PDB file of N, CA and C in Angstrom:
ATOM      1  N   MET A   1     116.013 116.471 102.743  1.00  0.00           N
ATOM      2  CA  MET A   1     116.111 115.124 102.227  1.00  0.00           C
ATOM      3  C   MET A   1     115.213 114.999 100.999  1.00  0.00           C
ATOM      4  N   THR A   2     115.694 114.349  99.956  1.00  0.00           N
ATOM      5  CA  THR A   2     114.951 114.176  98.724  1.00  0.00           C
ATOM      6  C   THR A   2     113.925 113.066  98.865  1.00  0.00           C
ATOM      7  N   SER A   3     112.684 113.317  98.370  1.00  0.00           N
ATOM      8  CA  SER A   3     111.673 112.259  98.424  1.00  0.00           C
ATOM      9  C   SER A   3     112.021 111.183  97.407  1.00  0.00           C
ATOM     10  N   ARG A   4     111.621 109.958  97.742  1.00  0.00           N
ATOM     11  CA  ARG A   4     111.965 108.826  96.892  1.00  0.00           C
ATOM     12  C   ARG A   4     110.914 107.732  97.048  1.00  0.00           C
ATOM     13  N   PRO A   5     110.456 107.132  95.952  1.00  0.00           N
ATOM     14  CA  PRO A   5     109.495 106.030  96.069  1.00  0.00           C
ATOM     15  C   PRO A   5     110.165 104.815  96.717  1.00  0.00           C
ATOM     16  N   HIS A   6     109.350 103.979  97.324  1.00  0.00           N
ATOM     17  CA  HIS A   6     109.902 102.805  97.991  1.00  0.00           C
ATOM     18  C   HIS A   6     109.037 101.571  97.742  1.00  0.00           C
ATOM     19  N   LEU A   7     109.632 100.428  98.012  1.00  0.00           N
ATOM     20  CA  LEU A   7     108.951  99.134  97.935  1.00  0.00           C
ATOM     21  C   LEU A   7     108.657  98.681  99.358  1.00  0.00           C
ATOM     22  N   ILE A   8     107.515  98.035  99.541  1.00  0.00           N
ATOM     23  CA  ILE A   8     107.190  97.426 100.830  1.00  0.00           C
ATOM     24  C   ILE A   8     107.340  95.922 100.631  1.00  0.00           C
ATOM     25  N   VAL A   9     108.144  95.301 101.479  1.00  0.00           N
ATOM     26  CA  VAL A   9     108.540  93.919 101.268  1.00  0.00           C
ATOM     27  C   VAL A   9     108.472  93.131 102.575  1.00  0.00           C
ATOM     28  N   ARG A  10     108.067  91.868 102.479  1.00  0.00           N
ATOM     29  CA  ARG A  10     108.111  90.965 103.629  1.00  0.00           C
ATOM     30  C   ARG A  10     108.939  89.743 103.240  1.00  0.00           C
ATOM     31  N   VAL A  11     109.905  89.414 104.073  1.00  0.00           N
ATOM     32  CA  VAL A  11     110.810  88.290 103.829  1.00  0.00           C
ATOM     33  C   VAL A  11     110.048  86.976 103.980  1.00  0.00           C
ATOM     34  N   HIS A  12     110.319  86.027 103.089  1.00  0.00           N
ATOM     35  CA  HIS A  12     109.726  84.692 103.198  1.00  0.00           C
ATOM     36  C   HIS A  12     110.171  84.055 104.510  1.00  0.00           C
ATOM     37  N   ALA A  13     109.281  83.312 105.130  1.00  0.00           N
ATOM     38  CA  ALA A  13     109.525  82.726 106.450  1.00  0.00           C
ATOM     39  C   ALA A  13     110.823  81.919 106.519  1.00  0.00           C
ATOM     40  N   GLU A  14     111.153  81.203 105.476  1.00  0.00           N
ATOM     41  CA  GLU A  14     112.357  80.360 105.517  1.00  0.00           C
ATOM     42  C   GLU A  14     113.662  81.163 105.572  1.00  0.00           C
ATOM     43  N   TYR A  15     113.604  82.458 105.238  1.00  0.00           N
ATOM     44  CA  TYR A  15     114.794  83.306 105.296  1.00  0.00           C
ATOM     45  C   TYR A  15     114.838  84.186 106.546  1.00  0.00           C
ATOM     46  N   ALA A  16     113.780  84.200 107.311  1.00  0.00           N
ATOM     47  CA  ALA A  16     113.710  85.046 108.501  1.00  0.00           C
ATOM     48  C   ALA A  16     114.318  84.325 109.699  1.00  0.00           C
ATOM     49  N   ARG A  17     115.271  84.978 110.348  1.00  0.00           N
ATOM     50  CA  ARG A  17     115.882  84.407 111.546  1.00  0.00           C
ATOM     51  C   ARG A  17     115.127  84.834 112.795  1.00  0.00           C
ATOM     52  N   THR A  18     114.483  86.004 112.725  1.00  0.00           N
ATOM     53  CA  THR A  18     113.764  86.544 113.876  1.00  0.00           C
ATOM     54  C   THR A  18     112.429  87.118 113.414  1.00  0.00           C
ATOM     55  N   GLU A  19     111.573  87.458 114.360  1.00  0.00           N
ATOM     56  CA  GLU A  19     110.309  88.121 114.030  1.00  0.00           C
ATOM     57  C   GLU A  19     110.569  89.486 113.388  1.00  0.00           C
ATOM     58  N   GLN A  20     111.625  90.165 113.804  1.00  0.00           N
ATOM     59  CA  GLN A  20     111.972  91.462 113.204  1.00  0.00           C
ATOM     60  C   GLN A  20     112.263  91.298 111.719  1.00  0.00           C
ATOM     61  N   ASP A  21     112.950  90.225 111.347  1.00  0.00           N
ATOM     62  CA  ASP A  21     113.215  89.958 109.929  1.00  0.00           C
ATOM     63  C   ASP A  21     111.914  89.797 109.158  1.00  0.00           C
ATOM     64  N   ARG A  22     110.908  89.209 109.773  1.00  0.00           N
ATOM     65  CA  ARG A  22     109.630  88.918 109.121  1.00  0.00           C
ATOM     66  C   ARG A  22     108.724  90.143 109.025  1.00  0.00           C
ATOM     67  N   SER A  23     109.101  91.224 109.659  1.00  0.00           N
ATOM     68  CA  SER A  23     108.325  92.469 109.582  1.00  0.00           C
ATOM     69  C   SER A  23     108.298  92.976 108.146  1.00  0.00           C
ATOM     70  N   CYS A  24     107.393  93.908 107.872  1.00  0.00           N
ATOM     71  CA  CYS A  24     107.382  94.595 106.580  1.00  0.00           C
ATOM     72  C   CYS A  24     108.508  95.620 106.591  1.00  0.00           C
ATOM     73  N   HIS A  25     109.403  95.487 105.647  1.00  0.00           N
ATOM     74  CA  HIS A  25     110.512  96.433 105.516  1.00  0.00           C
ATOM     75  C   HIS A  25     110.260  97.320 104.301  1.00  0.00           C
ATOM     76  N   PHE A  26     110.800  98.502 104.336  1.00  0.00           N
ATOM     77  CA  PHE A  26     110.650  99.468 103.254  1.00  0.00           C
ATOM     78  C   PHE A  26     112.013  99.663 102.590  1.00  0.00           C
ATOM     79  N   PHE A  27     112.038  99.518 101.267  1.00  0.00           N
ATOM     80  CA  PHE A  27     113.275  99.617 100.498  1.00  0.00           C
ATOM     81  C   PHE A  27     113.156 100.751  99.495  1.00  0.00           C
ATOM     82  N   PRO A  28     114.143 101.643  99.430  1.00  0.00           N
ATOM     83  CA  PRO A  28     114.088 102.673  98.396  1.00  0.00           C
ATOM     84  C   PRO A  28     114.200 102.027  97.017  1.00  0.00           C
ATOM     85  N   VAL A  29     113.416 102.520  96.081  1.00  0.00           N
ATOM     86  CA  VAL A  29     113.462 102.012  94.703  1.00  0.00           C
ATOM     87  C   VAL A  29     114.786 102.455  94.090  1.00  0.00           C
ATOM     88  N   PRO A  30     115.532 101.530  93.468  1.00  0.00           N
ATOM     89  CA  PRO A  30     116.789 101.920  92.818  1.00  0.00           C
ATOM     90  C   PRO A  30     116.536 103.025  91.786  1.00  0.00           C
ATOM     91  N   LEU A  31     117.343 104.055  91.823  1.00  0.00           N
ATOM     92  CA  LEU A  31     117.139 105.214  90.943  1.00  0.00           C
ATOM     93  C   LEU A  31     117.523 104.956  89.497  1.00  0.00           C
ATOM     94  N   ASP A  32     118.444 104.040  89.269  1.00  0.00           N
ATOM     95  CA  ASP A  32     118.924 103.811  87.908  1.00  0.00           C
ATOM     96  C   ASP A  32     118.069 102.819  87.113  1.00  0.00           C
ATOM     97  N   GLY A  33     117.037 102.236  87.751  1.00  0.00           N
ATOM     98  CA  GLY A  33     116.162 101.299  87.065  1.00  0.00           C
ATOM     99  C   GLY A  33     116.744  99.902  86.923  1.00  0.00           C
ATOM    100  N   GLU A  34     117.973  99.707  87.350  1.00  0.00           N
ATOM    101  CA  GLU A  34     118.609  98.394  87.283  1.00  0.00           C
ATOM    102  C   GLU A  34     118.117  97.500  88.410  1.00  0.00           C
ATOM    103  N   ARG A  35     118.234  96.203  88.229  1.00  0.00           N
ATOM    104  CA  ARG A  35     117.886  95.242  89.271  1.00  0.00           C
ATOM    105  C   ARG A  35     119.186  94.862  89.992  1.00  0.00           C
ATOM    106  N   PRO A  36     119.389  95.416  91.186  1.00  0.00           N
ATOM    107  CA  PRO A  36     120.650  95.147  91.885  1.00  0.00           C
ATOM    108  C   PRO A  36     120.702  93.724  92.434  1.00  0.00           C
ATOM    109  N   ALA A  37     121.897  93.260  92.737  1.00  0.00           N
ATOM    110  CA  ALA A  37     122.085  91.931  93.309  1.00  0.00           C
ATOM    111  C   ALA A  37     121.554  91.870  94.734  1.00  0.00           C
ATOM    112  N   GLU A  38     121.448  93.024  95.373  1.00  0.00           N
ATOM    113  CA  GLU A  38     121.005  93.093  96.761  1.00  0.00           C
ATOM    114  C   GLU A  38     120.264  94.416  96.984  1.00  0.00           C
ATOM    115  N   LEU A  39     119.199  94.374  97.789  1.00  0.00           N
ATOM    116  CA  LEU A  39     118.492  95.588  98.192  1.00  0.00           C
ATOM    117  C   LEU A  39     118.721  95.808  99.676  1.00  0.00           C
ATOM    118  N   ARG A  40     118.840  97.069 100.072  1.00  0.00           N
ATOM    119  CA  ARG A  40     119.045  97.409 101.477  1.00  0.00           C
ATOM    120  C   ARG A  40     117.870  98.260 101.953  1.00  0.00           C
ATOM    121  N   ALA A  41     117.192  97.786 102.996  1.00  0.00           N
ATOM    122  CA  ALA A  41     116.052  98.511 103.568  1.00  0.00           C
ATOM    123  C   ALA A  41     116.547  99.758 104.295  1.00  0.00           C
ATOM    124  N   TYR A  42     115.617 100.664 104.581  1.00  0.00           N
ATOM    125  CA  TYR A  42     115.975 101.875 105.316  1.00  0.00           C
ATOM    126  C   TYR A  42     116.625 101.554 106.662  1.00  0.00           C
ATOM    127  N   CYS A  43     116.245 100.431 107.280  1.00  0.00           N
ATOM    128  CA  CYS A  43     116.806 100.045 108.584  1.00  0.00           C
ATOM    129  C   CYS A  43     118.156  99.353 108.459  1.00  0.00           C
ATOM    130  N   GLY A  44     118.563  99.033 107.227  1.00  0.00           N
ATOM    131  CA  GLY A  44     119.826  98.351 107.006  1.00  0.00           C
ATOM    132  C   GLY A  44     119.682  96.876 106.668  1.00  0.00           C
ATOM    133  N   TYR A  45     118.475  96.312 106.809  1.00  0.00           N
ATOM    134  CA  TYR A  45     118.243  94.903 106.494  1.00  0.00           C
ATOM    135  C   TYR A  45     118.470  94.684 104.999  1.00  0.00           C
ATOM    136  N   ARG A  46     119.141  93.614 104.635  1.00  0.00           N
ATOM    137  CA  ARG A  46     119.482  93.352 103.234  1.00  0.00           C
ATOM    138  C   ARG A  46     118.815  92.068 102.742  1.00  0.00           C
ATOM    139  N   ILE A  47     118.369  92.111 101.478  1.00  0.00           N
ATOM    140  CA  ILE A  47     117.793  90.924 100.845  1.00  0.00           C
ATOM    141  C   ILE A  47     118.366  90.773  99.442  1.00  0.00           C
ATOM    142  N   THR A  48     118.255  89.556  98.927  1.00  0.00           N
ATOM    143  CA  THR A  48     118.627  89.271  97.546  1.00  0.00           C
ATOM    144  C   THR A  48     117.366  88.782  96.826  1.00  0.00           C
ATOM    145  N   PRO A  49     117.356  88.791  95.493  1.00  0.00           N
ATOM    146  CA  PRO A  49     116.168  88.344  94.770  1.00  0.00           C
ATOM    147  C   PRO A  49     115.715  86.944  95.214  1.00  0.00           C
ATOM    148  N   GLY A  50     114.397  86.804  95.380  1.00  0.00           N
ATOM    149  CA  GLY A  50     113.807  85.538  95.768  1.00  0.00           C
ATOM    150  C   GLY A  50     113.631  85.357  97.265  1.00  0.00           C
ATOM    151  N   MET A  51     114.189  86.253  98.071  1.00  0.00           N
ATOM    152  CA  MET A  51     114.084  86.131  99.527  1.00  0.00           C
ATOM    153  C   MET A  51     112.789  86.693 100.089  1.00  0.00           C
ATOM    154  N   ALA A  52     112.065  87.491  99.298  1.00  0.00           N
ATOM    155  CA  ALA A  52     110.933  88.210  99.861  1.00  0.00           C
ATOM    156  C   ALA A  52     109.826  88.396  98.838  1.00  0.00           C
ATOM    157  N   GLU A  53     108.676  88.837  99.339  1.00  0.00           N
ATOM    158  CA  GLU A  53     107.537  89.150  98.478  1.00  0.00           C
ATOM    159  C   GLU A  53     107.237  90.643  98.583  1.00  0.00           C
ATOM    160  N   ALA A  54     106.945  91.258  97.447  1.00  0.00           N
ATOM    161  CA  ALA A  54     106.548  92.661  97.432  1.00  0.00           C
ATOM    162  C   ALA A  54     105.078  92.747  97.827  1.00  0.00           C
ATOM    163  N   LEU A  55     104.731  93.771  98.595  1.00  0.00           N
ATOM    164  CA  LEU A  55     103.360  93.970  99.066  1.00  0.00           C
ATOM    165  C   LEU A  55     102.794  95.263  98.495  1.00  0.00           C
ATOM    166  N   ASP A  56     101.480  95.302  98.313  1.00  0.00           N
ATOM    167  CA  ASP A  56     100.807  96.525  97.863  1.00  0.00           C
ATOM    168  C   ASP A  56     100.688  97.540  98.984  1.00  0.00           C
ATOM    169  N   HIS A  57     100.664  97.046 100.216  1.00  0.00           N
ATOM    170  CA  HIS A  57     100.528  97.899 101.396  1.00  0.00           C
ATOM    171  C   HIS A  57     101.115  97.150 102.592  1.00  0.00           C
ATOM    172  N   PRO A  58     101.438  97.858 103.670  1.00  0.00           N
ATOM    173  CA  PRO A  58     101.977  97.159 104.836  1.00  0.00           C
ATOM    174  C   PRO A  58     101.006  96.091 105.340  1.00  0.00           C
ATOM    175  N   ALA A  59     101.538  94.953 105.701  1.00  0.00           N
ATOM    176  CA  ALA A  59     100.742  93.859 106.242  1.00  0.00           C
ATOM    177  C   ALA A  59     101.499  93.288 107.435  1.00  0.00           C
ATOM    178  N   GLY A  60     100.787  92.995 108.486  1.00  0.00           N
ATOM    179  CA  GLY A  60     101.463  92.505 109.679  1.00  0.00           C
ATOM    180  C   GLY A  60     102.148  93.643 110.408  1.00  0.00           C
ATOM    181  N   ILE A  61     103.236  93.323 111.050  1.00  0.00           N
ATOM    182  CA  ILE A  61     103.946  94.324 111.849  1.00  0.00           C
ATOM    183  C   ILE A  61     104.996  95.015 110.987  1.00  0.00           C
ATOM    184  N   PRO A  62     104.960  96.347 110.892  1.00  0.00           N
ATOM    185  CA  PRO A  62     105.991  97.046 110.119  1.00  0.00           C
ATOM    186  C   PRO A  62     107.269  97.198 110.938  1.00  0.00           C
ATOM    187  N   CYS A  63     108.370  97.254 110.260  1.00  0.00           N
ATOM    188  CA  CYS A  63     109.644  97.584 110.894  1.00  0.00           C
ATOM    189  C   CYS A  63     109.570  99.082 111.190  1.00  0.00           C
ATOM    190  N   MET A  64     109.606  99.452 112.447  1.00  0.00           N
ATOM    191  CA  MET A  64     109.416 100.860 112.814  1.00  0.00           C
ATOM    192  C   MET A  64     110.491 101.789 112.243  1.00  0.00           C
ATOM    193  N   PRO A  65     111.789 101.440 112.283  1.00  0.00           N
ATOM    194  CA  PRO A  65     112.771 102.340 111.657  1.00  0.00           C
ATOM    195  C   PRO A  65     112.500 102.530 110.164  1.00  0.00           C
ATOM    196  N   CYS A  66     112.116 101.455 109.469  1.00  0.00           N
ATOM    197  CA  CYS A  66     111.783 101.566 108.047  1.00  0.00           C
ATOM    198  C   CYS A  66     110.558 102.447 107.840  1.00  0.00           C
ATOM    199  N   LEU A  67     109.518 102.210 108.627  1.00  0.00           N
ATOM    200  CA  LEU A  67     108.273 102.961 108.491  1.00  0.00           C
ATOM    201  C   LEU A  67     108.490 104.450 108.697  1.00  0.00           C
ATOM    202  N   MET A  68     109.231 104.795 109.725  1.00  0.00           N
ATOM    203  CA  MET A  68     109.472 106.209 110.016  1.00  0.00           C
ATOM    204  C   MET A  68     110.300 106.867 108.912  1.00  0.00           C
ATOM    205  N   THR A  69     111.321 106.176 108.428  1.00  0.00           N
ATOM    206  CA  THR A  69     112.156 106.742 107.366  1.00  0.00           C
ATOM    207  C   THR A  69     111.378 106.844 106.063  1.00  0.00           C
ATOM    208  N   ALA A  70     110.568 105.815 105.750  1.00  0.00           N
ATOM    209  CA  ALA A  70     109.767 105.849 104.524  1.00  0.00           C
ATOM    210  C   ALA A  70     108.782 107.006 104.549  1.00  0.00           C
ATOM    211  N   ALA A  71     108.199 107.277 105.710  1.00  0.00           N
ATOM    212  CA  ALA A  71     107.237 108.395 105.820  1.00  0.00           C
ATOM    213  C   ALA A  71     107.915 109.720 105.524  1.00  0.00           C
ATOM    214  N   ILE A  72     109.143 109.879 105.971  1.00  0.00           N
ATOM    215  CA  ILE A  72     109.889 111.116 105.729  1.00  0.00           C
ATOM    216  C   ILE A  72     110.289 111.230 104.269  1.00  0.00           C
ATOM    217  N   ASN A  73     110.623 110.091 103.644  1.00  0.00           N
ATOM    218  CA  ASN A  73     111.125 110.079 102.269  1.00  0.00           C
ATOM    219  C   ASN A  73     110.061 109.888 101.198  1.00  0.00           C
ATOM    220  N   SER A  74     108.788 109.749 101.590  1.00  0.00           N
ATOM    221  CA  SER A  74     107.725 109.504 100.612  1.00  0.00           C
ATOM    222  C   SER A  74     107.511 110.712  99.708  1.00  0.00           C
ATOM    223  N   PRO A  75     107.261 110.451  98.427  1.00  0.00           N
ATOM    224  CA  PRO A  75     106.943 111.551  97.514  1.00  0.00           C
ATOM    225  C   PRO A  75     105.683 112.267  97.974  1.00  0.00           C
ATOM    226  N   GLN A  76     105.695 113.566  97.921  1.00  0.00           N
ATOM    227  CA  GLN A  76     104.537 114.370  98.329  1.00  0.00           C
ATOM    228  C   GLN A  76     103.696 114.678  97.096  1.00  0.00           C
ATOM    229  N   PRO A  77     102.347 114.631  97.230  1.00  0.00           N
ATOM    230  CA  PRO A  77     101.474 114.913  96.076  1.00  0.00           C
ATOM    231  C   PRO A  77     101.583 116.351  95.625  1.00  0.00           C
TER     232      PRO A  77
END
């Protein structure tokens, strides 16, 4: 599997239907540099611009499927 940088994101409370939605999700950075209409997290959760805040590091409870996939896909030094 190819390593890829990712974004750590938490959905704004008003868009979260469940506590799982409010977890920190990990999203692969788009490779083409474009700003897509929608981002899809490693776990499959989808967001559109304005639904979430980008984080410098995980905060709160991480989405475990996202966390595990991000660890495997993280760029190695």
